[in-house]
C-alpha atoms as a PDB file:
ATOM      1  CA  MET A   1      38.523  58.515 119.116  1.00  0.00           C
ATOM      2  CA  ASP A   2      35.021  59.133 117.735  1.00  0.00           C
ATOM      3  CA  GLU A   3      34.281  56.121 115.512  1.00  0.00           C
ATOM      4  CA  GLN A   4      30.981  57.562 114.312  1.00  0.00           C
ATOM      5  CA  HIS A   5      32.549  60.891 113.329  1.00  0.00           C
ATOM      6  CA  TYR A   6      35.406  59.343 111.374  1.00  0.00           C
ATOM      7  CA  GLY A   7      33.138  56.723 109.869  1.00  0.00           C
ATOM      8  CA  GLY A   8      30.948  59.528 108.563  1.00  0.00           C
ATOM      9  CA  LEU A   9      33.937  61.246 106.978  1.00  0.00           C
ATOM     10  CA  LEU A  10      35.000  58.003 105.306  1.00  0.00           C
ATOM     11  CA  ALA A  11      31.470  57.541 103.951  1.00  0.00           C
ATOM     12  CA  ARG A  12      31.630  61.008 102.386  1.00  0.00           C
ATOM     13  CA  PHE A  13      34.920  60.145 100.659  1.00  0.00           C
ATOM     14  CA  LYS A  14      32.744  58.405  98.064  1.00  0.00           C
ATOM     15  CA  GLN A  15      31.202  61.721  97.022  1.00  0.00           C
ATOM     16  CA  ALA A  16      34.548  63.354  96.167  1.00  0.00           C
ATOM     17  CA  ARG A  17      35.739  64.028  92.635  1.00  0.00           C
ATOM     18  CA  VAL A  18      39.505  64.451  92.397  1.00  0.00           C
ATOM     19  CA  MET A  19      41.893  65.537  89.665  1.00  0.00           C
ATOM     20  CA  ALA A  20      45.375  64.076  90.250  1.00  0.00           C
ATOM     21  CA  VAL A  21      48.145  65.976  88.448  1.00  0.00           C
ATOM     22  CA  GLY A  22      51.791  65.007  88.414  1.00  0.00           C
ATOM     23  CA  ASP A  23      54.582  62.651  87.493  1.00  0.00           C
ATOM     24  CA  ILE A  24      53.385  59.222  86.391  1.00  0.00           C
ATOM     25  CA  TYR A  25      55.632  56.217  86.938  1.00  0.00           C
ATOM     26  CA  LEU A  26      55.213  52.530  86.268  1.00  0.00           C
ATOM     27  CA  ASP A  27      56.527  50.340  89.092  1.00  0.00           C
ATOM     28  CA  GLU A  28      57.595  46.947  87.751  1.00  0.00           C
ATOM     29  CA  ASN A  29      58.424  44.232  90.277  1.00  0.00           C
ATOM     30  CA  VAL A  30      59.978  41.037  88.966  1.00  0.00           C
ATOM     31  CA  TYR A  31      60.049  38.026  91.310  1.00  0.00           C
ATOM     32  CA  GLY A  32      62.044  34.841  90.931  1.00  0.00           C
ATOM     33  CA  VAL A  33      64.911  32.699  92.182  1.00  0.00           C
ATOM     34  CA  VAL A  34      68.613  32.740  91.411  1.00  0.00           C
ATOM     35  CA  THR A  35      69.426  29.396  89.835  1.00  0.00           C
ATOM     36  CA  GLU A  36      73.065  29.674  88.805  1.00  0.00           C
ATOM     37  CA  VAL A  37      75.918  31.945  87.775  1.00  0.00           C
ATOM     38  CA  SER A  38      75.875  32.893  84.102  1.00  0.00           C
ATOM     39  CA  LEU A  39      78.384  31.230  81.804  1.00  0.00           C
ATOM     40  CA  GLU A  40      78.747  34.466  79.823  1.00  0.00           C
ATOM     41  CA  ALA A  41      79.535  36.805  82.732  1.00  0.00           C
ATOM     42  CA  PRO A  42      80.061  36.695  86.513  1.00  0.00           C
ATOM     43  CA  ILE A  43      76.436  37.519  87.281  1.00  0.00           C
ATOM     44  CA  PRO A  44      73.512  35.590  88.777  1.00  0.00           C
ATOM     45  CA  VAL A  45      70.799  34.136  86.556  1.00  0.00           C
ATOM     46  CA  LEU A  46      67.300  35.069  87.733  1.00  0.00           C
ATOM     47  CA  GLU A  47      64.579  32.576  86.863  1.00  0.00           C
ATOM     48  CA  VAL A  48      61.495  34.806  86.581  1.00  0.00           C
ATOM     49  CA  HIS A  49      58.321  33.506  88.205  1.00  0.00           C
ATOM     50  CA  GLU A  50      56.103  36.593  88.363  1.00  0.00           C
ATOM     51  CA  ARG A  51      55.817  40.223  87.250  1.00  0.00           C
ATOM     52  CA  ARG A  52      53.681  42.721  89.136  1.00  0.00           C
ATOM     53  CA  TYR A  53      52.884  46.249  88.021  1.00  0.00           C
ATOM     54  CA  ASN A  54      51.349  49.293  89.637  1.00  0.00           C
ATOM     55  CA  PRO A  55      51.222  53.037  88.924  1.00  0.00           C
ATOM     56  CA  GLY A  56      53.789  54.922  90.977  1.00  0.00           C
ATOM     57  CA  ALA A  57      54.528  58.488  92.119  1.00  0.00           C
ATOM     58  CA  ALA A  58      51.472  60.724  91.528  1.00  0.00           C
ATOM     59  CA  GLY A  59      49.789  57.676  90.021  1.00  0.00           C
ATOM     60  CA  ASN A  60      49.965  55.797  93.315  1.00  0.00           C
ATOM     61  CA  ALA A  61      48.353  58.701  95.174  1.00  0.00           C
ATOM     62  CA  ALA A  62      45.599  58.719  92.542  1.00  0.00           C
ATOM     63  CA  CYS A  63      45.032  54.983  92.995  1.00  0.00           C
ATOM     64  CA  ASN A  64      44.847  55.418  96.774  1.00  0.00           C
ATOM     65  CA  ALA A  65      42.208  58.128  96.404  1.00  0.00           C
ATOM     66  CA  ALA A  66      40.207  55.820  94.145  1.00  0.00           C
ATOM     67  CA  ALA A  67      40.549  52.903  96.584  1.00  0.00           C
ATOM     68  CA  LEU A  68      39.265  55.164  99.365  1.00  0.00           C
ATOM     69  CA  GLY A  69      36.142  55.796  97.299  1.00  0.00           C
ATOM     70  CA  ALA A  70      36.704  58.956  95.242  1.00  0.00           C
ATOM     71  CA  LYS A  71      36.149  59.411  91.526  1.00  0.00           C
ATOM     72  CA  VAL A  72      39.659  60.138  90.254  1.00  0.00           C
ATOM     73  CA  TYR A  73      40.929  61.590  86.984  1.00  0.00           C
ATOM     74  CA  MET A  74      44.665  61.316  86.229  1.00  0.00           C
ATOM     75  CA  VAL A  75      46.453  64.139  84.402  1.00  0.00           C
ATOM     76  CA  GLY A  76      50.090  63.621  83.454  1.00  0.00           C
ATOM     77  CA  VAL A  77      52.420  62.463  80.703  1.00  0.00           C
ATOM     78  CA  THR A  78      53.608  59.075  79.435  1.00  0.00           C
ATOM     79  CA  GLY A  79      55.629  58.049  76.439  1.00  0.00           C
ATOM     80  CA  ASP A  80      54.280  56.210  73.411  1.00  0.00           C
ATOM     81  CA  ASP A  81      55.656  52.799  74.333  1.00  0.00           C
ATOM     82  CA  THR A  82      54.791  49.420  75.816  1.00  0.00           C
ATOM     83  CA  ASN A  83      55.035  50.641  79.398  1.00  0.00           C
ATOM     84  CA  ALA A  84      52.544  53.423  78.665  1.00  0.00           C
ATOM     85  CA  GLY A  85      49.997  50.783  77.768  1.00  0.00           C
ATOM     86  CA  ILE A  86      50.788  48.804  80.924  1.00  0.00           C
ATOM     87  CA  VAL A  87      50.444  51.798  83.249  1.00  0.00           C
ATOM     88  CA  ARG A  88      47.151  52.827  81.626  1.00  0.00           C
ATOM     89  CA  ARG A  89      45.860  49.284  82.091  1.00  0.00           C
ATOM     90  CA  GLU A  90      46.913  49.300  85.746  1.00  0.00           C
ATOM     91  CA  PHE A  91      45.139  52.626  86.279  1.00  0.00           C
ATOM     92  CA  ALA A  92      41.992  51.202  84.705  1.00  0.00           C
ATOM     93  CA  VAL A  93      41.847  48.138  86.964  1.00  0.00           C
ATOM     94  CA  ARG A  94      42.183  50.501  89.937  1.00  0.00           C
ATOM     95  CA  ASN A  95      39.273  52.681  88.736  1.00  0.00           C
ATOM     96  CA  VAL A  96      41.334  55.738  87.799  1.00  0.00           C
ATOM     97  CA  ASP A  97      40.211  57.585  84.655  1.00  0.00           C
ATOM     98  CA  THR A  98      43.061  57.901  82.126  1.00  0.00           C
ATOM     99  CA  THR A  99      41.269  59.975  79.482  1.00  0.00           C
ATOM    100  CA  HIS A 100      43.337  63.071  80.273  1.00  0.00           C
ATOM    101  CA  ILE A 101      46.806  61.501  80.280  1.00  0.00           C
ATOM    102  CA  VAL A 102      48.964  63.086  77.572  1.00  0.00           C
ATOM    103  CA  THR A 103      51.146  60.961  75.281  1.00  0.00           C
ATOM    104  CA  ASP A 104      54.548  62.441  74.424  1.00  0.00           C
ATOM    105  CA  PRO A 105      56.379  60.263  71.863  1.00  0.00           C
ATOM    106  CA  THR A 106      59.661  62.080  72.524  1.00  0.00           C
ATOM    107  CA  ARG A 107      60.084  60.601  76.005  1.00  0.00           C
ATOM    108  CA  ALA A 108      59.985  57.190  77.646  1.00  0.00           C
ATOM    109  CA  THR A 109      57.307  56.264  80.143  1.00  0.00           C
ATOM    110  CA  ASN A 110      58.938  56.732  83.546  1.00  0.00           C
ATOM    111  CA  THR A 111      59.609  53.273  84.983  1.00  0.00           C
ATOM    112  CA  TYR A 112      61.189  51.879  88.133  1.00  0.00           C
ATOM    113  CA  GLY A 113      62.106  48.202  87.854  1.00  0.00           C
ATOM    114  CA  LYS A 114      62.937  46.057  90.863  1.00  0.00           C
ATOM    115  CA  LEU A 115      64.257  42.516  90.511  1.00  0.00           C
ATOM    116  CA  ARG A 116      63.655  40.453  93.638  1.00  0.00           C
ATOM    117  CA  ALA A 117      64.949  36.972  94.372  1.00  0.00           C
ATOM    118  CA  GLY A 118      64.479  34.420  97.123  1.00  0.00           C
ATOM    119  CA  GLY A 119      64.263  30.707  97.584  1.00  0.00           C
ATOM    120  CA  HIS A 120      63.677  27.868 100.012  1.00  0.00           C
ATOM    121  CA  ASN A 121      64.209  29.291 103.505  1.00  0.00           C
ATOM    122  CA  ILE A 122      65.708  32.421 101.933  1.00  0.00           C
ATOM    123  CA  PRO A 123      63.743  35.671 102.277  1.00  0.00           C
ATOM    124  CA  VAL A 124      62.926  37.595  99.123  1.00  0.00           C
ATOM    125  CA  GLN A 125      65.259  40.556  98.674  1.00  0.00           C
ATOM    126  CA  GLU A 126      65.882  43.167  96.026  1.00  0.00           C
ATOM    127  CA  MET A 127      68.924  42.296  93.917  1.00  0.00           C
ATOM    128  CA  LEU A 128      68.812  44.989  91.208  1.00  0.00           C
ATOM    129  CA  ARG A 129      66.920  48.161  90.379  1.00  0.00           C
ATOM    130  CA  THR A 130      66.478  49.627  86.905  1.00  0.00           C
ATOM    131  CA  ASP A 131      65.390  53.185  86.092  1.00  0.00           C
ATOM    132  CA  THR A 132      64.491  54.983  82.903  1.00  0.00           C
ATOM    133  CA  PRO A 133      66.497  58.194  82.340  1.00  0.00           C
ATOM    134  CA  LYS A 134      65.548  61.029  84.688  1.00  0.00           C
ATOM    135  CA  PRO A 135      62.890  63.021  82.819  1.00  0.00           C
ATOM    136  CA  THR A 136      63.278  66.678  81.949  1.00  0.00           C
ATOM    137  CA  PRO A 137      60.468  69.168  82.591  1.00  0.00           C
ATOM    138  CA  ILE A 138      57.673  68.943  80.052  1.00  0.00           C
ATOM    139  CA  ASP A 139      57.403  71.760  77.538  1.00  0.00           C
ATOM    140  CA  GLY A 140      55.914  72.614  74.171  1.00  0.00           C
ATOM    141  CA  ALA A 141      52.899  70.641  73.016  1.00  0.00           C
ATOM    142  CA  ALA A 142      52.953  68.230  75.971  1.00  0.00           C
ATOM    143  CA  GLU A 143      52.909  71.045  78.512  1.00  0.00           C
ATOM    144  CA  GLU A 144      50.139  72.879  76.682  1.00  0.00           C
ATOM    145  CA  ALA A 145      48.072  69.692  76.523  1.00  0.00           C
ATOM    146  CA  VAL A 146      48.447  69.127  80.277  1.00  0.00           C
ATOM    147  CA  VAL A 147      47.382  72.723  80.986  1.00  0.00           C
ATOM    148  CA  ALA A 148      44.402  72.364  78.631  1.00  0.00           C
ATOM    149  CA  ASN A 149      43.298  69.149  80.341  1.00  0.00           C
ATOM    150  CA  ILE A 150      43.526  70.778  83.780  1.00  0.00           C
ATOM    151  CA  ARG A 151      41.329  73.648  82.635  1.00  0.00           C
ATOM    152  CA  LYS A 152      38.884  71.252  80.973  1.00  0.00           C
ATOM    153  CA  LEU A 153      38.505  69.043  84.058  1.00  0.00           C
ATOM    154  CA  ALA A 154      38.463  71.746  86.725  1.00  0.00           C
ATOM    155  CA  PRO A 155      34.704  72.492  86.574  1.00  0.00           C
ATOM    156  CA  GLU A 156      33.954  68.789  87.076  1.00  0.00           C
ATOM    157  CA  VAL A 157      35.962  68.132  90.267  1.00  0.00           C
ATOM    158  CA  ASP A 158      36.049  69.139  93.921  1.00  0.00           C
ATOM    159  CA  ALA A 159      39.796  69.022  94.474  1.00  0.00           C
ATOM    160  CA  ILE A 160      43.217  68.838  92.837  1.00  0.00           C
ATOM    161  CA  MET A 161      45.985  66.585  94.192  1.00  0.00           C
ATOM    162  CA  ILE A 162      49.498  67.457  93.010  1.00  0.00           C
ATOM    163  CA  GLY A 163      52.272  64.835  92.940  1.00  0.00           C
ATOM    164  CA  ASP A 164      55.751  66.206  92.271  1.00  0.00           C
ATOM    165  CA  GLN A 165      58.111  63.227  92.226  1.00  0.00           C
ATOM    166  CA  VAL A 166      60.877  64.348  89.873  1.00  0.00           C
ATOM    167  CA  SER A 167      59.972  67.945  89.016  1.00  0.00           C
ATOM    168  CA  SER A 168      58.948  66.970  85.487  1.00  0.00           C
ATOM    169  CA  THR A 169      55.194  67.530  85.127  1.00  0.00           C
ATOM    170  CA  ILE A 170      54.657  70.351  87.629  1.00  0.00           C
ATOM    171  CA  THR A 171      56.147  73.233  85.669  1.00  0.00           C
ATOM    172  CA  GLU A 172      55.469  76.907  86.388  1.00  0.00           C
ATOM    173  CA  LYS A 173      52.721  76.955  83.732  1.00  0.00           C
ATOM    174  CA  VAL A 174      51.087  73.796  85.066  1.00  0.00           C
ATOM    175  CA  LEU A 175      51.150  75.044  88.662  1.00  0.00           C
ATOM    176  CA  ALA A 176      49.782  78.436  87.601  1.00  0.00           C
ATOM    177  CA  ALA A 177      46.899  76.723  85.810  1.00  0.00           C
ATOM    178  CA  ILE A 178      46.115  74.667  88.918  1.00  0.00           C
ATOM    179  CA  VAL A 179      46.115  77.734  91.178  1.00  0.00           C
ATOM    180  CA  ASP A 180      43.991  79.705  88.702  1.00  0.00           C
ATOM    181  CA  CYS A 181      41.423  76.917  88.366  1.00  0.00           C
ATOM    182  CA  ALA A 182      41.307  76.332  92.113  1.00  0.00           C
ATOM    183  CA  LYS A 183      40.475  79.999  92.668  1.00  0.00           C
ATOM    184  CA  GLN A 184      37.914  80.113  89.861  1.00  0.00           C
ATOM    185  CA  TYR A 185      36.046  76.952  90.900  1.00  0.00           C
ATOM    186  CA  ASN A 186      36.715  77.014  94.673  1.00  0.00           C
ATOM    187  CA  LEU A 187      38.660  73.750  94.637  1.00  0.00           C
ATOM    188  CA  ILE A 188      40.606  72.211  97.517  1.00  0.00           C
ATOM    189  CA  THR A 189      44.276  71.782  96.628  1.00  0.00           C
ATOM    190  CA  LEU A 190      46.997  69.555  98.076  1.00  0.00           C
ATOM    191  CA  ALA A 191      50.618  69.039  97.044  1.00  0.00           C
ATOM    192  CA  ASP A 192      53.191  66.376  97.838  1.00  0.00           C
ATOM    193  CA  SER A 193      56.724  66.977  96.583  1.00  0.00           C
ATOM    194  CA  ARG A 194      59.959  65.080  97.062  1.00  0.00           C
ATOM    195  CA  LYS A 195      62.208  68.160  96.934  1.00  0.00           C
ATOM    196  CA  ARG A 196      60.090  71.266  96.282  1.00  0.00           C
ATOM    197  CA  ALA A 197      57.476  71.438  99.022  1.00  0.00           C
ATOM    198  CA  GLY A 198      58.225  75.138  99.386  1.00  0.00           C
ATOM    199  CA  ILE A 199      57.076  76.239  95.909  1.00  0.00           C
ATOM    200  CA  PHE A 200      53.336  75.772  96.345  1.00  0.00           C
ATOM    201  CA  ALA A 201      52.062  79.282  96.934  1.00  0.00           C
ATOM    202  CA  ARG A 202      48.286  79.495  97.482  1.00  0.00           C
ATOM    203  CA  ILE A 203      47.940  75.710  97.736  1.00  0.00           C
ATOM    204  CA  ASP A 204      45.696  74.722 100.651  1.00  0.00           C
ATOM    205  CA  VAL A 205      47.969  72.087 102.181  1.00  0.00           C
ATOM    206  CA  VAL A 206      51.324  70.446 101.545  1.00  0.00           C
ATOM    207  CA  VAL A 207      52.129  66.998 102.953  1.00  0.00           C
ATOM    208  CA  PRO A 208      55.899  66.420 102.977  1.00  0.00           C
ATOM    209  CA  ASN A 209      57.683  64.060 105.318  1.00  0.00           C
ATOM    210  CA  ASP A 210      60.099  65.573 107.823  1.00  0.00           C
ATOM    211  CA  LYS A 211      63.109  65.180 105.524  1.00  0.00           C
ATOM    212  CA  GLU A 212      61.268  66.745 102.569  1.00  0.00           C
ATOM    213  CA  ALA A 213      60.115  69.614 104.778  1.00  0.00           C
ATOM    214  CA  GLY A 214      63.711  70.254 105.729  1.00  0.00           C
ATOM    215  CA  LEU A 215      64.874  70.174 102.116  1.00  0.00           C
ATOM    216  CA  ALA A 216      62.200  72.690 101.127  1.00  0.00           C
ATOM    217  CA  ALA A 217      63.039  74.999 104.022  1.00  0.00           C
ATOM    218  CA  GLY A 218      66.807  74.629 103.829  1.00  0.00           C
ATOM    219  CA  ILE A 219      66.861  73.260 107.377  1.00  0.00           C
ATOM    220  CA  ASP A 220      68.404  70.035 108.640  1.00  0.00           C
ATOM    221  CA  VAL A 221      65.529  68.504 110.602  1.00  0.00           C
ATOM    222  CA  VAL A 222      67.088  66.667 113.542  1.00  0.00           C
ATOM    223  CA  ASP A 223      64.823  67.494 116.492  1.00  0.00           C
ATOM    224  CA  GLU A 224      61.533  69.112 117.502  1.00  0.00           C
ATOM    225  CA  GLU A 225      62.906  72.639 117.248  1.00  0.00           C
ATOM    226  CA  SER A 226      64.219  72.206 113.701  1.00  0.00           C
ATOM    227  CA  LEU A 227      61.010  70.421 112.662  1.00  0.00           C
ATOM    228  CA  ARG A 228      58.924  73.338 113.834  1.00  0.00           C
ATOM    229  CA  ALA A 229      61.196  75.804 112.078  1.00  0.00           C
ATOM    230  CA  ALA A 230      60.818  73.843 108.822  1.00  0.00           C
ATOM    231  CA  GLY A 231      57.050  73.611 109.217  1.00  0.00           C
ATOM    232  CA  ARG A 232      56.703  77.339 109.832  1.00  0.00           C
ATOM    233  CA  ALA A 233      58.856  78.016 106.767  1.00  0.00           C
ATOM    234  CA  LEU A 234      56.440  76.026 104.607  1.00  0.00           C
ATOM    235  CA  LEU A 235      53.629  78.360 105.661  1.00  0.00           C
ATOM    236  CA  LYS A 236      55.363  81.212 103.854  1.00  0.00           C
ATOM    237  CA  THR A 237      53.968  79.680 100.654  1.00  0.00           C
ATOM    238  CA  ALA A 238      51.311  77.019 101.300  1.00  0.00           C
ATOM    239  CA  ARG A 239      48.360  77.831 103.541  1.00  0.00           C
ATOM    240  CA  ASN A 240      48.793  74.758 105.774  1.00  0.00           C
ATOM    241  CA  ALA A 241      51.304  71.932 106.151  1.00  0.00           C
ATOM    242  CA  LEU A 242      50.945  68.396 107.490  1.00  0.00           C
ATOM    243  CA  VAL A 243      54.402  66.918 108.038  1.00  0.00           C
ATOM    244  CA  THR A 244      54.568  63.142 108.277  1.00  0.00           C
ATOM    245  CA  ARG A 245      57.028  61.733 110.809  1.00  0.00           C
ATOM    246  CA  GLY A 246      56.832  57.959 110.528  1.00  0.00           C
ATOM    247  CA  PRO A 247      56.248  56.382 113.964  1.00  0.00           C
ATOM    248  CA  GLU A 248      55.793  59.872 115.467  1.00  0.00           C
ATOM    249  CA  GLY A 249      52.661  60.460 113.393  1.00  0.00           C
ATOM    250  CA  ILE A 250      51.851  63.797 111.753  1.00  0.00           C
ATOM    251  CA  THR A 251      52.510  67.358 112.884  1.00  0.00           C
ATOM    252  CA  VAL A 252      49.940  69.905 111.725  1.00  0.00           C
ATOM    253  CA  PHE A 253      51.071  73.449 110.946  1.00  0.00           C
ATOM    254  CA  ALA A 254      47.918  75.508 110.456  1.00  0.00           C
ATOM    255  CA  ALA A 255      47.483  78.835 108.703  1.00  0.00           C
ATOM    256  CA  ASP A 256      46.587  80.523 112.008  1.00  0.00           C
ATOM    257  CA  GLY A 257      49.956  79.553 113.482  1.00  0.00           C
ATOM    258  CA  THR A 258      48.807  76.666 115.657  1.00  0.00           C
ATOM    259  CA  ILE A 259      50.918  73.507 115.737  1.00  0.00           C
ATOM    260  CA  GLU A 260      49.529  70.110 116.741  1.00  0.00           C
ATOM    261  CA  ASP A 261      51.131  66.686 116.984  1.00  0.00           C
ATOM    262  CA  VAL A 262      48.706  63.948 115.983  1.00  0.00           C
ATOM    263  CA  PRO A 263      50.107  60.534 117.019  1.00  0.00           C
ATOM    264  CA  ILE A 264      49.803  57.284 115.109  1.00  0.00           C
ATOM    265  CA  ARG A 265      48.906  53.964 116.682  1.00  0.00           C
ATOM    266  CA  PRO A 266      51.815  51.502 117.009  1.00  0.00           C
ATOM    267  CA  VAL A 267      52.037  49.176 114.006  1.00  0.00           C
ATOM    268  CA  GLN A 268      54.394  46.445 112.860  1.00  0.00           C
ATOM    269  CA  VAL A 269      56.126  48.087 109.898  1.00  0.00           C
ATOM    270  CA  VAL A 270      56.794  45.835 106.918  1.00  0.00           C
ATOM    271  CA  ASP A 271      57.374  48.324 104.074  1.00  0.00           C
ATOM    272  CA  VAL A 272      57.035  52.121 104.087  1.00  0.00           C
ATOM    273  CA  THR A 273      57.201  52.491 100.296  1.00  0.00           C
ATOM    274  CA  GLY A 274      54.304  54.596  99.033  1.00  0.00           C
ATOM    275  CA  ALA A 275      52.903  55.411 102.478  1.00  0.00           C
ATOM    276  CA  GLY A 276      53.196  59.134 101.785  1.00  0.00           C
ATOM    277  CA  ASP A 277      50.883  58.718  98.799  1.00  0.00           C
ATOM    278  CA  THR A 278      48.324  57.040 101.040  1.00  0.00           C
ATOM    279  CA  VAL A 279      48.528  59.948 103.475  1.00  0.00           C
ATOM    280  CA  ALA A 280      48.117  62.503 100.668  1.00  0.00           C
ATOM    281  CA  ALA A 281      44.965  60.805  99.403  1.00  0.00           C
ATOM    282  CA  ALA A 282      43.426  60.442 102.856  1.00  0.00           C
ATOM    283  CA  VAL A 283      44.203  64.041 103.844  1.00  0.00           C
ATOM    284  CA  LEU A 284      42.712  65.465 100.658  1.00  0.00           C
ATOM    285  CA  LEU A 285      39.540  63.374 100.873  1.00  0.00           C
ATOM    286  CA  THR A 286      39.071  64.265 104.539  1.00  0.00           C
ATOM    287  CA  LEU A 287      39.122  67.948 103.636  1.00  0.00           C
ATOM    288  CA  CYS A 288      36.705  67.277 100.756  1.00  0.00           C
ATOM    289  CA  ALA A 289      34.397  65.553 103.245  1.00  0.00           C
ATOM    290  CA  GLY A 290      34.362  68.634 105.475  1.00  0.00           C
ATOM    291  CA  GLY A 291      36.869  67.409 108.054  1.00  0.00           C
ATOM    292  CA  SER A 292      39.360  69.549 109.967  1.00  0.00           C
ATOM    293  CA  LEU A 293      43.143  69.459 109.683  1.00  0.00           C
ATOM    294  CA  HIS A 294      43.193  67.321 112.840  1.00  0.00           C
ATOM    295  CA  ASP A 295      40.712  64.923 111.216  1.00  0.00           C
ATOM    296  CA  ALA A 296      42.883  64.824 108.104  1.00  0.00           C
ATOM    297  CA  ALA A 297      45.984  63.997 110.134  1.00  0.00           C
ATOM    298  CA  PHE A 298      44.105  61.331 112.097  1.00  0.00           C
ATOM    299  CA  LEU A 299      42.834  59.564 108.975  1.00  0.00           C
ATOM    300  CA  GLY A 300      46.192  60.070 107.250  1.00  0.00           C
ATOM    301  CA  ASN A 301      47.831  58.241 110.154  1.00  0.00           C
ATOM    302  CA  LEU A 302      45.157  55.547 110.161  1.00  0.00           C
ATOM    303  CA  THR A 303      45.494  54.718 106.476  1.00  0.00           C
ATOM    304  CA  ALA A 304      49.303  54.960 106.498  1.00  0.00           C
ATOM    305  CA  GLY A 305      49.354  52.469 109.364  1.00  0.00           C
ATOM    306  CA  ILE A 306      47.397  50.027 107.220  1.00  0.00           C
ATOM    307  CA  ALA A 307      49.712  50.577 104.242  1.00  0.00           C
ATOM    308  CA  VAL A 308      53.050  50.120 106.022  1.00  0.00           C
ATOM    309  CA  ALA A 309      51.920  46.835 107.563  1.00  0.00           C
ATOM    310  CA  GLN A 310      51.893  45.286 104.057  1.00  0.00           C
ATOM    311  CA  GLU A 311      54.662  44.450 101.621  1.00  0.00           C
ATOM    312  CA  GLY A 312      55.286  46.675  98.609  1.00  0.00           C
ATOM    313  CA  VAL A 313      53.348  49.614  97.231  1.00  0.00           C
ATOM    314  CA  VAL A 314      49.695  49.110  98.153  1.00  0.00           C
ATOM    315  CA  THR A 315      46.422  50.992  98.153  1.00  0.00           C
ATOM    316  CA  VAL A 316      44.179  51.195 101.199  1.00  0.00           C
ATOM    317  CA  SER A 317      40.455  50.699 100.687  1.00  0.00           C
ATOM    318  CA  ASN A 318      37.622  52.564 102.342  1.00  0.00           C
ATOM    319  CA  GLU A 319      36.497  49.286 103.899  1.00  0.00           C
ATOM    320  CA  GLU A 320      39.947  48.648 105.411  1.00  0.00           C
ATOM    321  CA  ALA A 321      39.939  52.121 106.953  1.00  0.00           C
ATOM    322  CA  LEU A 322      36.462  51.576 108.426  1.00  0.00           C
ATOM    323  CA  GLU A 323      37.562  48.253 109.886  1.00  0.00           C
ATOM    324  CA  ALA A 324      40.612  49.896 111.467  1.00  0.00           C
ATOM    325  CA  LEU A 325      38.327  52.365 113.287  1.00  0.00           C
ATOM    326  CA  LYS A 326      36.705  49.630 115.360  1.00  0.00           C
ATOM    327  CA  PRO A 327      37.469  49.891 119.082  1.00  0.00           C
ATOM    328  CA  ASP A 328      39.178  46.496 119.215  1.00  0.00           C
ATOM    329  CA  ARG A 329      41.496  47.556 116.395  1.00  0.00           C
ATOM    330  CA  TYR A 330      42.281  51.085 117.520  1.00  0.00           C
ATOM    331  CA  ILE A 331      43.978  51.500 120.910  1.00  0.00           C
ATOM    332  CA  GLN A 332      45.364  55.007 120.576  1.00  0.00           C
ATOM    333  CA  SER A 333      43.735  57.760 122.626  1.00  0.00           C
ATOM    334  CA  ASP A 334      42.489  60.777 120.684  1.00  0.00           C
ATOM    335  CA  ASN A 335      43.418  64.356 121.540  1.00  0.00           C
END
């Protein structure tokens, strides 16, 4: 592992300008203790002690890119409600520009709520999750506004990061605008999609996990052979694919047909939620900094390892990544 080389790439992260486009969610985590059973119904009463908020889905990837040092502009859609104000505030404190977020009063701001309870000698655990209704694809004025904002921002950025959580924001028109702008302004493009990793024709790199790669390819990924078949299938649309594999690291499927397994150092996993967003941000910024696909996988693994060792959805800072490069912290041999 070349600490100087990767340290140089991380330093250049701070020069990158990124447009993040995709589904915006607000993650709301409510913490407390169960004090009694309700008198009105056979349900527990949660005494609320704390509420924590953070942008989720494409918003979390945007926040990770900002934490790693990039200038980030968020493009997406929220409702005209209280949670829209909260998610904009949370973007602002994480240094993500919200000027180009579109407000659509006909829909609710996408929100995941998690109620967590614990107590003396009792570990905190999730007791209930709440979701807003699954959003439909944007259309009409909202879709046109998103497309207009993409075209307006494109000359001012180096790369576009696509986050397709629920197939709402990334419509055919939105994706076409991204591809057109990327060609016109020579922008690096990356896409992360929960179910549609196979739709991103002419996008530079897709970063699904192994399950998502299988869903996109119509292949049940159960072993090395099926993983490679799924990865090759992704190259029928995207130019390159980096498939995340949890403790097995990342497998790189390059446009020239080469396949490389890039391992991750062993870490004590606490919570994997949001780790894919961390990988997406690190991969994109590595490519912006002039790194190779191998470099991108290496730094994607490095930052994901930092993220999963912490509880909840977190961002990884440039300084944390630099610290993790130190020889006494990094024991994995490099290829």
